[in-house]
Amino acid sequence: PTNHHLRHEYRHSSARELEALKSAYIHVSSGGLSEDQKISVGPNYQVPFARDIREQVSIPVIAVGLITEPQQAEDLLQQGEADLVALARGILYDPRWPWHAAAALDG
């Protein structure tokens, strides 16, 4: 097996183990702790990792990764990419983001 395949399998087995240990949810992020990592950053850039884990477990999975717009977050949820979304910079920039999102999505 390739190194990529082994990492993929490790993610899956780790997710299943967390579920077996009765974790309430899994918050998925690719990290960024090593200088050797080459992470392409853009809207939803971490979402594929959450989608991959969501296919392996039945507990809620949280996606993150430049999710900044209300419709963007709603689409991820409606399309089944994740069960929840996490916001970081967006909330720091605008602590009332949830209120603004609710207003924008309710029309």
PDB file of N, CA and C in Angstrom:
ATOM      1  N   PRO A   1       0.823  -1.207   0.000  1.00  0.00           N
ATOM      2  CA  PRO A   1       0.000   0.000   0.000  1.00  0.00           C
ATOM      3  C   PRO A   1       0.862   1.265   0.000  1.00  0.00           C
ATOM      4  N   THR A   2       0.310   2.308  -0.579  1.00  0.00           N
ATOM      5  CA  THR A   2       1.029   3.586  -0.629  1.00  0.00           C
ATOM      6  C   THR A   2       0.909   4.308   0.701  1.00  0.00           C
ATOM      7  N   ASN A   3       1.778   5.289   0.893  1.00  0.00           N
ATOM      8  CA  ASN A   3       1.738   6.106   2.105  1.00  0.00           C
ATOM      9  C   ASN A   3       0.380   6.800   2.225  1.00  0.00           C
ATOM     10  N   HIS A   4      -0.143   7.289   1.085  1.00  0.00           N
ATOM     11  CA  HIS A   4      -1.460   7.939   1.072  1.00  0.00           C
ATOM     12  C   HIS A   4      -2.538   6.963   1.557  1.00  0.00           C
ATOM     13  N   HIS A   5      -2.481   5.729   1.048  1.00  0.00           N
ATOM     14  CA  HIS A   5      -3.473   4.715   1.428  1.00  0.00           C
ATOM     15  C   HIS A   5      -3.403   4.428   2.926  1.00  0.00           C
ATOM     16  N   LEU A   6      -2.199   4.338   3.467  1.00  0.00           N
ATOM     17  CA  LEU A   6      -2.038   4.066   4.892  1.00  0.00           C
ATOM     18  C   LEU A   6      -2.601   5.203   5.739  1.00  0.00           C
ATOM     19  N   ARG A   7      -2.353   6.454   5.327  1.00  0.00           N
ATOM     20  CA  ARG A   7      -2.900   7.597   6.071  1.00  0.00           C
ATOM     21  C   ARG A   7      -4.426   7.574   6.035  1.00  0.00           C
ATOM     22  N   HIS A   8      -4.964   7.246   4.864  1.00  0.00           N
ATOM     23  CA  HIS A   8      -6.409   7.170   4.682  1.00  0.00           C
ATOM     24  C   HIS A   8      -6.994   6.111   5.625  1.00  0.00           C
ATOM     25  N   GLU A   9      -6.398   4.937   5.639  1.00  0.00           N
ATOM     26  CA  GLU A   9      -6.852   3.852   6.511  1.00  0.00           C
ATOM     27  C   GLU A   9      -6.719   4.230   7.982  1.00  0.00           C
ATOM     28  N   TYR A  10      -5.652   4.923   8.334  1.00  0.00           N
ATOM     29  CA  TYR A  10      -5.451   5.356   9.719  1.00  0.00           C
ATOM     30  C   TYR A  10      -6.562   6.314  10.148  1.00  0.00           C
ATOM     31  N   ARG A  11      -6.938   7.251   9.260  1.00  0.00           N
ATOM     32  CA  ARG A  11      -8.038   8.172   9.574  1.00  0.00           C
ATOM     33  C   ARG A  11      -9.320   7.402   9.842  1.00  0.00           C
ATOM     34  N   HIS A  12      -9.612   6.442   8.979  1.00  0.00           N
ATOM     35  CA  HIS A  12     -10.843   5.667   9.126  1.00  0.00           C
ATOM     36  C   HIS A  12     -10.840   4.863  10.421  1.00  0.00           C
ATOM     37  N   SER A  13      -9.744   4.173  10.691  1.00  0.00           N
ATOM     38  CA  SER A  13      -9.698   3.356  11.911  1.00  0.00           C
ATOM     39  C   SER A  13      -9.738   4.238  13.154  1.00  0.00           C
ATOM     40  N   SER A  14      -9.107   5.400  13.093  1.00  0.00           N
ATOM     41  CA  SER A  14      -9.140   6.329  14.233  1.00  0.00           C
ATOM     42  C   SER A  14     -10.559   6.827  14.477  1.00  0.00           C
ATOM     43  N   ALA A  15     -11.262   7.156  13.407  1.00  0.00           N
ATOM     44  CA  ALA A  15     -12.641   7.640  13.536  1.00  0.00           C
ATOM     45  C   ALA A  15     -13.539   6.554  14.121  1.00  0.00           C
ATOM     46  N   ARG A  16     -13.396   5.344  13.624  1.00  0.00           N
ATOM     47  CA  ARG A  16     -14.215   4.244  14.147  1.00  0.00           C
ATOM     48  C   ARG A  16     -13.892   3.970  15.617  1.00  0.00           C
ATOM     49  N   GLU A  17     -12.623   4.097  15.990  1.00  0.00           N
ATOM     50  CA  GLU A  17     -12.229   3.894  17.386  1.00  0.00           C
ATOM     51  C   GLU A  17     -12.827   4.980  18.278  1.00  0.00           C
ATOM     52  N   LEU A  18     -12.805   6.228  17.821  1.00  0.00           N
ATOM     53  CA  LEU A  18     -13.419   7.309  18.598  1.00  0.00           C
ATOM     54  C   LEU A  18     -14.907   7.059  18.804  1.00  0.00           C
ATOM     55  N   GLU A  19     -15.554   6.583  17.763  1.00  0.00           N
ATOM     56  CA  GLU A  19     -16.974   6.262  17.891  1.00  0.00           C
ATOM     57  C   GLU A  19     -17.179   5.124  18.895  1.00  0.00           C
ATOM     58  N   ALA A  20     -16.352   4.097  18.825  1.00  0.00           N
ATOM     59  CA  ALA A  20     -16.462   2.968  19.752  1.00  0.00           C
ATOM     60  C   ALA A  20     -16.237   3.400  21.200  1.00  0.00           C
ATOM     61  N   LEU A  21     -15.424   4.426  21.381  1.00  0.00           N
ATOM     62  CA  LEU A  21     -15.153   4.950  22.720  1.00  0.00           C
ATOM     63  C   LEU A  21     -16.239   5.918  23.195  1.00  0.00           C
ATOM     64  N   LYS A  22     -17.321   6.014  22.416  1.00  0.00           N
ATOM     65  CA  LYS A  22     -18.487   6.836  22.768  1.00  0.00           C
ATOM     66  C   LYS A  22     -18.229   8.337  22.673  1.00  0.00           C
ATOM     67  N   SER A  23     -17.367   8.743  21.747  1.00  0.00           N
ATOM     68  CA  SER A  23     -17.183  10.179  21.509  1.00  0.00           C
ATOM     69  C   SER A  23     -18.513  10.770  21.063  1.00  0.00           C
ATOM     70  N   ALA A  24     -18.785  11.978  21.489  1.00  0.00           N
ATOM     71  CA  ALA A  24     -20.042  12.639  21.131  1.00  0.00           C
ATOM     72  C   ALA A  24     -20.031  13.115  19.683  1.00  0.00           C
ATOM     73  N   TYR A  25     -18.863  13.455  19.171  1.00  0.00           N
ATOM     74  CA  TYR A  25     -18.718  13.950  17.806  1.00  0.00           C
ATOM     75  C   TYR A  25     -17.244  13.891  17.425  1.00  0.00           C
ATOM     76  N   ILE A  26     -16.977  14.121  16.128  1.00  0.00           N
ATOM     77  CA  ILE A  26     -15.600  14.225  15.641  1.00  0.00           C
ATOM     78  C   ILE A  26     -15.478  15.542  14.894  1.00  0.00           C
ATOM     79  N   HIS A  27     -14.551  16.357  15.316  1.00  0.00           N
ATOM     80  CA  HIS A  27     -14.259  17.636  14.663  1.00  0.00           C
ATOM     81  C   HIS A  27     -13.032  17.398  13.790  1.00  0.00           C
ATOM     82  N   VAL A  28     -13.200  17.554  12.481  1.00  0.00           N
ATOM     83  CA  VAL A  28     -12.161  17.157  11.535  1.00  0.00           C
ATOM     84  C   VAL A  28     -11.379  18.364  11.029  1.00  0.00           C
ATOM     85  N   SER A  29     -10.063  18.288  11.161  1.00  0.00           N
ATOM     86  CA  SER A  29      -9.154  19.311  10.645  1.00  0.00           C
ATOM     87  C   SER A  29      -7.893  18.611  10.176  1.00  0.00           C
ATOM     88  N   SER A  30      -7.278  19.145   9.135  1.00  0.00           N
ATOM     89  CA  SER A  30      -6.066  18.509   8.609  1.00  0.00           C
ATOM     90  C   SER A  30      -4.812  18.956   9.334  1.00  0.00           C
ATOM     91  N   GLY A  31      -4.947  19.845  10.265  1.00  0.00           N
ATOM     92  CA  GLY A  31      -3.770  20.244  11.051  1.00  0.00           C
ATOM     93  C   GLY A  31      -3.061  21.444  10.477  1.00  0.00           C
ATOM     94  N   GLY A  32      -1.800  21.279  10.211  1.00  0.00           N
ATOM     95  CA  GLY A  32      -0.977  22.389   9.758  1.00  0.00           C
ATOM     96  C   GLY A  32       0.129  22.665  10.754  1.00  0.00           C
ATOM     97  N   LEU A  33       0.522  21.640  11.494  1.00  0.00           N
ATOM     98  CA  LEU A  33       1.521  21.809  12.539  1.00  0.00           C
ATOM     99  C   LEU A  33       2.950  21.642  12.040  1.00  0.00           C
ATOM    100  N   SER A  34       3.108  21.030  10.887  1.00  0.00           N
ATOM    101  CA  SER A  34       4.444  20.769  10.367  1.00  0.00           C
ATOM    102  C   SER A  34       4.776  21.729   9.235  1.00  0.00           C
ATOM    103  N   GLU A  35       6.003  22.197   9.221  1.00  0.00           N
ATOM    104  CA  GLU A  35       6.439  23.073   8.127  1.00  0.00           C
ATOM    105  C   GLU A  35       6.473  22.329   6.801  1.00  0.00           C
ATOM    106  N   ASP A  36       6.522  20.999   6.852  1.00  0.00           N
ATOM    107  CA  ASP A  36       6.581  20.188   5.639  1.00  0.00           C
ATOM    108  C   ASP A  36       5.227  20.051   4.955  1.00  0.00           C
ATOM    109  N   GLN A  37       4.153  20.361   5.670  1.00  0.00           N
ATOM    110  CA  GLN A  37       2.830  20.235   5.080  1.00  0.00           C
ATOM    111  C   GLN A  37       2.616  21.301   4.018  1.00  0.00           C
ATOM    112  N   LYS A  38       2.004  20.893   2.936  1.00  0.00           N
ATOM    113  CA  LYS A  38       1.653  21.802   1.846  1.00  0.00           C
ATOM    114  C   LYS A  38       0.134  21.786   1.720  1.00  0.00           C
ATOM    115  N   ILE A  39      -0.505  22.681   2.429  1.00  0.00           N
ATOM    116  CA  ILE A  39      -1.963  22.722   2.452  1.00  0.00           C
ATOM    117  C   ILE A  39      -2.447  23.842   1.539  1.00  0.00           C
ATOM    118  N   SER A  40      -3.247  23.469   0.542  1.00  0.00           N
ATOM    119  CA  SER A  40      -3.852  24.457  -0.351  1.00  0.00           C
ATOM    120  C   SER A  40      -5.073  25.029   0.353  1.00  0.00           C
ATOM    121  N   VAL A  41      -5.053  26.317   0.581  1.00  0.00           N
ATOM    122  CA  VAL A  41      -6.118  26.969   1.342  1.00  0.00           C
ATOM    123  C   VAL A  41      -7.103  27.645   0.398  1.00  0.00           C
ATOM    124  N   GLY A  42      -8.379  27.433   0.640  1.00  0.00           N
ATOM    125  CA  GLY A  42      -9.454  28.057  -0.110  1.00  0.00           C
ATOM    126  C   GLY A  42     -10.766  27.696   0.561  1.00  0.00           C
ATOM    127  N   PRO A  43     -11.877  28.264   0.113  1.00  0.00           N
ATOM    128  CA  PRO A  43     -13.166  27.945   0.721  1.00  0.00           C
ATOM    129  C   PRO A  43     -13.411  26.433   0.771  1.00  0.00           C
ATOM    130  N   ASN A  44     -13.832  25.966   1.922  1.00  0.00           N
ATOM    131  CA  ASN A  44     -14.166  24.549   2.139  1.00  0.00           C
ATOM    132  C   ASN A  44     -12.964  23.605   2.050  1.00  0.00           C
ATOM    133  N   TYR A  45     -11.762  24.111   2.172  1.00  0.00           N
ATOM    134  CA  TYR A  45     -10.596  23.274   1.897  1.00  0.00           C
ATOM    135  C   TYR A  45     -10.438  22.085   2.838  1.00  0.00           C
ATOM    136  N   GLN A  46     -11.077  22.092   3.983  1.00  0.00           N
ATOM    137  CA  GLN A  46     -10.986  20.954   4.902  1.00  0.00           C
ATOM    138  C   GLN A  46     -12.217  20.039   4.820  1.00  0.00           C
ATOM    139  N   VAL A  47     -13.229  20.473   4.115  1.00  0.00           N
ATOM    140  CA  VAL A  47     -14.497  19.738   4.064  1.00  0.00           C
ATOM    141  C   VAL A  47     -14.350  18.313   3.514  1.00  0.00           C
ATOM    142  N   PRO A  48     -13.541  18.062   2.491  1.00  0.00           N
ATOM    143  CA  PRO A  48     -13.414  16.676   2.014  1.00  0.00           C
ATOM    144  C   PRO A  48     -12.969  15.696   3.104  1.00  0.00           C
ATOM    145  N   PHE A  49     -12.156  16.156   4.033  1.00  0.00           N
ATOM    146  CA  PHE A  49     -11.732  15.287   5.131  1.00  0.00           C
ATOM    147  C   PHE A  49     -12.921  14.940   6.024  1.00  0.00           C
ATOM    148  N   ALA A  50     -13.767  15.921   6.300  1.00  0.00           N
ATOM    149  CA  ALA A  50     -14.958  15.678   7.121  1.00  0.00           C
ATOM    150  C   ALA A  50     -15.914  14.727   6.404  1.00  0.00           C
ATOM    151  N   ARG A  51     -16.114  14.947   5.100  1.00  0.00           N
ATOM    152  CA  ARG A  51     -17.004  14.073   4.327  1.00  0.00           C
ATOM    153  C   ARG A  51     -16.498  12.631   4.386  1.00  0.00           C
ATOM    154  N   ASP A  52     -15.202  12.452   4.234  1.00  0.00           N
ATOM    155  CA  ASP A  52     -14.597  11.122   4.266  1.00  0.00           C
ATOM    156  C   ASP A  52     -14.849  10.438   5.614  1.00  0.00           C
ATOM    157  N   ILE A  53     -14.654  11.161   6.693  1.00  0.00           N
ATOM    158  CA  ILE A  53     -14.875  10.597   8.030  1.00  0.00           C
ATOM    159  C   ILE A  53     -16.357  10.333   8.260  1.00  0.00           C
ATOM    160  N   ARG A  54     -17.202  11.224   7.775  1.00  0.00           N
ATOM    161  CA  ARG A  54     -18.657  11.065   7.972  1.00  0.00           C
ATOM    162  C   ARG A  54     -19.160   9.760   7.367  1.00  0.00           C
ATOM    163  N   GLU A  55     -18.535   9.327   6.291  1.00  0.00           N
ATOM    164  CA  GLU A  55     -18.925   8.072   5.649  1.00  0.00           C
ATOM    165  C   GLU A  55     -18.537   6.851   6.482  1.00  0.00           C
ATOM    166  N   GLN A  56     -17.684   7.041   7.477  1.00  0.00           N
ATOM    167  CA  GLN A  56     -17.174   5.926   8.276  1.00  0.00           C
ATOM    168  C   GLN A  56     -17.880   5.745   9.616  1.00  0.00           C
ATOM    169  N   VAL A  57     -18.562   6.768  10.094  1.00  0.00           N
ATOM    170  CA  VAL A  57     -19.128   6.735  11.444  1.00  0.00           C
ATOM    171  C   VAL A  57     -20.582   7.203  11.439  1.00  0.00           C
ATOM    172  N   SER A  58     -21.259   6.957  12.545  1.00  0.00           N
ATOM    173  CA  SER A  58     -22.648   7.411  12.658  1.00  0.00           C
ATOM    174  C   SER A  58     -22.802   8.557  13.655  1.00  0.00           C
ATOM    175  N   ILE A  59     -21.712   8.947  14.329  1.00  0.00           N
ATOM    176  CA  ILE A  59     -21.778  10.096  15.241  1.00  0.00           C
ATOM    177  C   ILE A  59     -21.608  11.380  14.431  1.00  0.00           C
ATOM    178  N   PRO A  60     -22.038  12.516  14.958  1.00  0.00           N
ATOM    179  CA  PRO A  60     -21.913  13.772  14.220  1.00  0.00           C
ATOM    180  C   PRO A  60     -20.460  14.120  13.879  1.00  0.00           C
ATOM    181  N   VAL A  61     -20.297  14.663  12.686  1.00  0.00           N
ATOM    182  CA  VAL A  61     -18.988  15.098  12.199  1.00  0.00           C
ATOM    183  C   VAL A  61     -19.054  16.596  11.923  1.00  0.00           C
ATOM    184  N   ILE A  62     -18.038  17.310  12.401  1.00  0.00           N
ATOM    185  CA  ILE A  62     -17.965  18.765  12.255  1.00  0.00           C
ATOM    186  C   ILE A  62     -16.917  19.112  11.211  1.00  0.00           C
ATOM    187  N   ALA A  63     -17.299  19.959  10.252  1.00  0.00           N
ATOM    188  CA  ALA A  63     -16.380  20.420   9.210  1.00  0.00           C
ATOM    189  C   ALA A  63     -15.922  21.841   9.506  1.00  0.00           C
ATOM    190  N   VAL A  64     -14.753  22.166   9.019  1.00  0.00           N
ATOM    191  CA  VAL A  64     -14.151  23.482   9.187  1.00  0.00           C
ATOM    192  C   VAL A  64     -13.346  23.772   7.923  1.00  0.00           C
ATOM    193  N   GLY A  65     -12.914  24.994   7.749  1.00  0.00           N
ATOM    194  CA  GLY A  65     -12.029  25.302   6.625  1.00  0.00           C
ATOM    195  C   GLY A  65     -12.527  26.416   5.737  1.00  0.00           C
ATOM    196  N   LEU A  66     -12.355  27.628   6.174  1.00  0.00           N
ATOM    197  CA  LEU A  66     -12.789  28.813   5.430  1.00  0.00           C
ATOM    198  C   LEU A  66     -14.258  28.728   5.030  1.00  0.00           C
ATOM    199  N   ILE A  67     -15.066  28.373   5.982  1.00  0.00           N
ATOM    200  CA  ILE A  67     -16.520  28.419   5.822  1.00  0.00           C
ATOM    201  C   ILE A  67     -16.923  29.782   6.363  1.00  0.00           C
ATOM    202  N   THR A  68     -17.234  30.691   5.466  1.00  0.00           N
ATOM    203  CA  THR A  68     -17.406  32.087   5.868  1.00  0.00           C
ATOM    204  C   THR A  68     -18.784  32.665   5.571  1.00  0.00           C
ATOM    205  N   GLU A  69     -19.508  32.067   4.646  1.00  0.00           N
ATOM    206  CA  GLU A  69     -20.794  32.619   4.223  1.00  0.00           C
ATOM    207  C   GLU A  69     -21.946  31.739   4.697  1.00  0.00           C
ATOM    208  N   PRO A  70     -23.063  32.351   5.079  1.00  0.00           N
ATOM    209  CA  PRO A  70     -24.206  31.566   5.553  1.00  0.00           C
ATOM    210  C   PRO A  70     -24.686  30.507   4.553  1.00  0.00           C
ATOM    211  N   GLN A  71     -24.824  30.887   3.286  1.00  0.00           N
ATOM    212  CA  GLN A  71     -25.315  29.923   2.299  1.00  0.00           C
ATOM    213  C   GLN A  71     -24.309  28.796   2.082  1.00  0.00           C
ATOM    214  N   GLN A  72     -23.045  29.125   2.155  1.00  0.00           N
ATOM    215  CA  GLN A  72     -21.987  28.119   2.041  1.00  0.00           C
ATOM    216  C   GLN A  72     -22.141  27.073   3.150  1.00  0.00           C
ATOM    217  N   ALA A  73     -22.320  27.526   4.382  1.00  0.00           N
ATOM    218  CA  ALA A  73     -22.492  26.615   5.515  1.00  0.00           C
ATOM    219  C   ALA A  73     -23.765  25.788   5.348  1.00  0.00           C
ATOM    220  N   GLU A  74     -24.841  26.435   4.971  1.00  0.00           N
ATOM    221  CA  GLU A  74     -26.119  25.742   4.782  1.00  0.00           C
ATOM    222  C   GLU A  74     -26.009  24.674   3.700  1.00  0.00           C
ATOM    223  N   ASP A  75     -25.356  25.000   2.592  1.00  0.00           N
ATOM    224  CA  ASP A  75     -25.189  24.036   1.505  1.00  0.00           C
ATOM    225  C   ASP A  75     -24.414  22.805   1.967  1.00  0.00           C
ATOM    226  N   LEU A  76     -23.363  23.015   2.746  1.00  0.00           N
ATOM    227  CA  LEU A  76     -22.582  21.877   3.254  1.00  0.00           C
ATOM    228  C   LEU A  76     -23.457  20.942   4.082  1.00  0.00           C
ATOM    229  N   LEU A  77     -24.308  21.523   4.896  1.00  0.00           N
ATOM    230  CA  LEU A  77     -25.194  20.714   5.729  1.00  0.00           C
ATOM    231  C   LEU A  77     -26.261  20.014   4.887  1.00  0.00           C
ATOM    232  N   GLN A  78     -26.883  20.748   3.973  1.00  0.00           N
ATOM    233  CA  GLN A  78     -27.938  20.179   3.135  1.00  0.00           C
ATOM    234  C   GLN A  78     -27.416  19.079   2.217  1.00  0.00           C
ATOM    235  N   GLN A  79     -26.174  19.202   1.768  1.00  0.00           N
ATOM    236  CA  GLN A  79     -25.577  18.211   0.870  1.00  0.00           C
ATOM    237  C   GLN A  79     -24.982  17.022   1.625  1.00  0.00           C
ATOM    238  N   GLY A  80     -25.057  17.044   2.942  1.00  0.00           N
ATOM    239  CA  GLY A  80     -24.556  15.924   3.728  1.00  0.00           C
ATOM    240  C   GLY A  80     -23.049  15.849   3.841  1.00  0.00           C
ATOM    241  N   GLU A  81     -22.379  16.961   3.609  1.00  0.00           N
ATOM    242  CA  GLU A  81     -20.917  16.982   3.721  1.00  0.00           C
ATOM    243  C   GLU A  81     -20.480  16.844   5.178  1.00  0.00           C
ATOM    244  N   ALA A  82     -21.295  17.332   6.088  1.00  0.00           N
ATOM    245  CA  ALA A  82     -21.011  17.286   7.525  1.00  0.00           C
ATOM    246  C   ALA A  82     -22.330  17.442   8.270  1.00  0.00           C
ATOM    247  N   ASP A  83     -22.281  17.174   9.555  1.00  0.00           N
ATOM    248  CA  ASP A  83     -23.467  17.345  10.393  1.00  0.00           C
ATOM    249  C   ASP A  83     -23.518  18.729  11.024  1.00  0.00           C
ATOM    250  N   LEU A  84     -22.356  19.308  11.232  1.00  0.00           N
ATOM    251  CA  LEU A  84     -22.213  20.645  11.815  1.00  0.00           C
ATOM    252  C   LEU A  84     -21.051  21.336  11.124  1.00  0.00           C
ATOM    253  N   VAL A  85     -21.035  22.662  11.190  1.00  0.00           N
ATOM    254  CA  VAL A  85     -19.878  23.413  10.697  1.00  0.00           C
ATOM    255  C   VAL A  85     -19.303  24.228  11.847  1.00  0.00           C
ATOM    256  N   ALA A  86     -18.007  24.401  11.808  1.00  0.00           N
ATOM    257  CA  ALA A  86     -17.323  25.215  12.812  1.00  0.00           C
ATOM    258  C   ALA A  86     -16.774  26.452  12.127  1.00  0.00           C
ATOM    259  N   LEU A  87     -16.894  27.555  12.806  1.00  0.00           N
ATOM    260  CA  LEU A  87     -16.406  28.827  12.284  1.00  0.00           C
ATOM    261  C   LEU A  87     -15.328  29.337  13.225  1.00  0.00           C
ATOM    262  N   ALA A  88     -14.276  29.845  12.674  1.00  0.00           N
ATOM    263  CA  ALA A  88     -13.207  30.386  13.519  1.00  0.00           C
ATOM    264  C   ALA A  88     -13.054  31.871  13.241  1.00  0.00           C
ATOM    265  N   ARG A  89     -12.365  32.191  12.170  1.00  0.00           N
ATOM    266  CA  ARG A  89     -12.111  33.602  11.859  1.00  0.00           C
ATOM    267  C   ARG A  89     -13.401  34.392  11.666  1.00  0.00           C
ATOM    268  N   GLY A  90     -14.401  33.748  11.070  1.00  0.00           N
ATOM    269  CA  GLY A  90     -15.669  34.436  10.847  1.00  0.00           C
ATOM    270  C   GLY A  90     -16.315  34.920  12.129  1.00  0.00           C
ATOM    271  N   ILE A  91     -16.278  34.097  13.153  1.00  0.00           N
ATOM    272  CA  ILE A  91     -16.852  34.472  14.450  1.00  0.00           C
ATOM    273  C   ILE A  91     -15.985  35.511  15.149  1.00  0.00           C
ATOM    274  N   LEU A  92     -14.681  35.380  15.001  1.00  0.00           N
ATOM    275  CA  LEU A  92     -13.795  36.382  15.602  1.00  0.00           C
ATOM    276  C   LEU A  92     -14.018  37.745  14.960  1.00  0.00           C
ATOM    277  N   TYR A  93     -14.199  37.743  13.641  1.00  0.00           N
ATOM    278  CA  TYR A  93     -14.411  38.988  12.910  1.00  0.00           C
ATOM    279  C   TYR A  93     -15.787  39.576  13.217  1.00  0.00           C
ATOM    280  N   ASP A  94     -16.790  38.709  13.298  1.00  0.00           N
ATOM    281  CA  ASP A  94     -18.168  39.150  13.524  1.00  0.00           C
ATOM    282  C   ASP A  94     -18.832  38.231  14.552  1.00  0.00           C
ATOM    283  N   PRO A  95     -18.775  38.588  15.826  1.00  0.00           N
ATOM    284  CA  PRO A  95     -19.371  37.739  16.862  1.00  0.00           C
ATOM    285  C   PRO A  95     -20.876  37.498  16.676  1.00  0.00           C
ATOM    286  N   ARG A  96     -21.524  38.321  15.876  1.00  0.00           N
ATOM    287  CA  ARG A  96     -22.961  38.143  15.618  1.00  0.00           C
ATOM    288  C   ARG A  96     -23.221  37.389  14.309  1.00  0.00           C
ATOM    289  N   TRP A  97     -22.208  36.703  13.821  1.00  0.00           N
ATOM    290  CA  TRP A  97     -22.328  35.949  12.577  1.00  0.00           C
ATOM    291  C   TRP A  97     -23.570  35.055  12.583  1.00  0.00           C
ATOM    292  N   PRO A  98     -23.852  34.298  13.642  1.00  0.00           N
ATOM    293  CA  PRO A  98     -25.049  33.437  13.614  1.00  0.00           C
ATOM    294  C   PRO A  98     -26.348  34.217  13.402  1.00  0.00           C
ATOM    295  N   TRP A  99     -26.453  35.382  14.002  1.00  0.00           N
ATOM    296  CA  TRP A  99     -27.656  36.199  13.806  1.00  0.00           C
ATOM    297  C   TRP A  99     -27.753  36.661  12.360  1.00  0.00           C
ATOM    298  N   HIS A 100     -26.643  37.130  11.829  1.00  0.00           N
ATOM    299  CA  HIS A 100     -26.634  37.590  10.438  1.00  0.00           C
ATOM    300  C   HIS A 100     -26.925  36.429   9.487  1.00  0.00           C
ATOM    301  N   ALA A 101     -26.397  35.260   9.799  1.00  0.00           N
ATOM    302  CA  ALA A 101     -26.650  34.087   8.960  1.00  0.00           C
ATOM    303  C   ALA A 101     -28.131  33.719   8.987  1.00  0.00           C
ATOM    304  N   ALA A 102     -28.723  33.722  10.169  1.00  0.00           N
ATOM    305  CA  ALA A 102     -30.147  33.393  10.280  1.00  0.00           C
ATOM    306  C   ALA A 102     -30.992  34.373   9.474  1.00  0.00           C
ATOM    307  N   ALA A 103     -30.665  35.643   9.554  1.00  0.00           N
ATOM    308  CA  ALA A 103     -31.410  36.655   8.794  1.00  0.00           C
ATOM    309  C   ALA A 103     -31.230  36.450   7.296  1.00  0.00           C
ATOM    310  N   ALA A 104     -30.010  36.158   6.872  1.00  0.00           N
ATOM    311  CA  ALA A 104     -29.730  35.969   5.446  1.00  0.00           C
ATOM    312  C   ALA A 104     -30.433  34.721   4.904  1.00  0.00           C
ATOM    313  N   LEU A 105     -30.453  33.661   5.663  1.00  0.00           N
ATOM    314  CA  LEU A 105     -31.035  32.409   5.186  1.00  0.00           C
ATOM    315  C   LEU A 105     -32.553  32.394   5.278  1.00  0.00           C
ATOM    316  N   ASP A 106     -33.104  33.154   6.201  1.00  0.00           N
ATOM    317  CA  ASP A 106     -34.559  33.215   6.321  1.00  0.00           C
ATOM    318  C   ASP A 106     -35.171  34.223   5.360  1.00  0.00           C
ATOM    319  N   GLY A 107     -34.314  34.941   4.653  1.00  0.00           N
ATOM    320  CA  GLY A 107     -34.766  35.867   3.636  1.00  0.00           C
ATOM    321  C   GLY A 107     -35.183  37.172   4.187  1.00  0.00           C
TER     322      GLY A 107
END
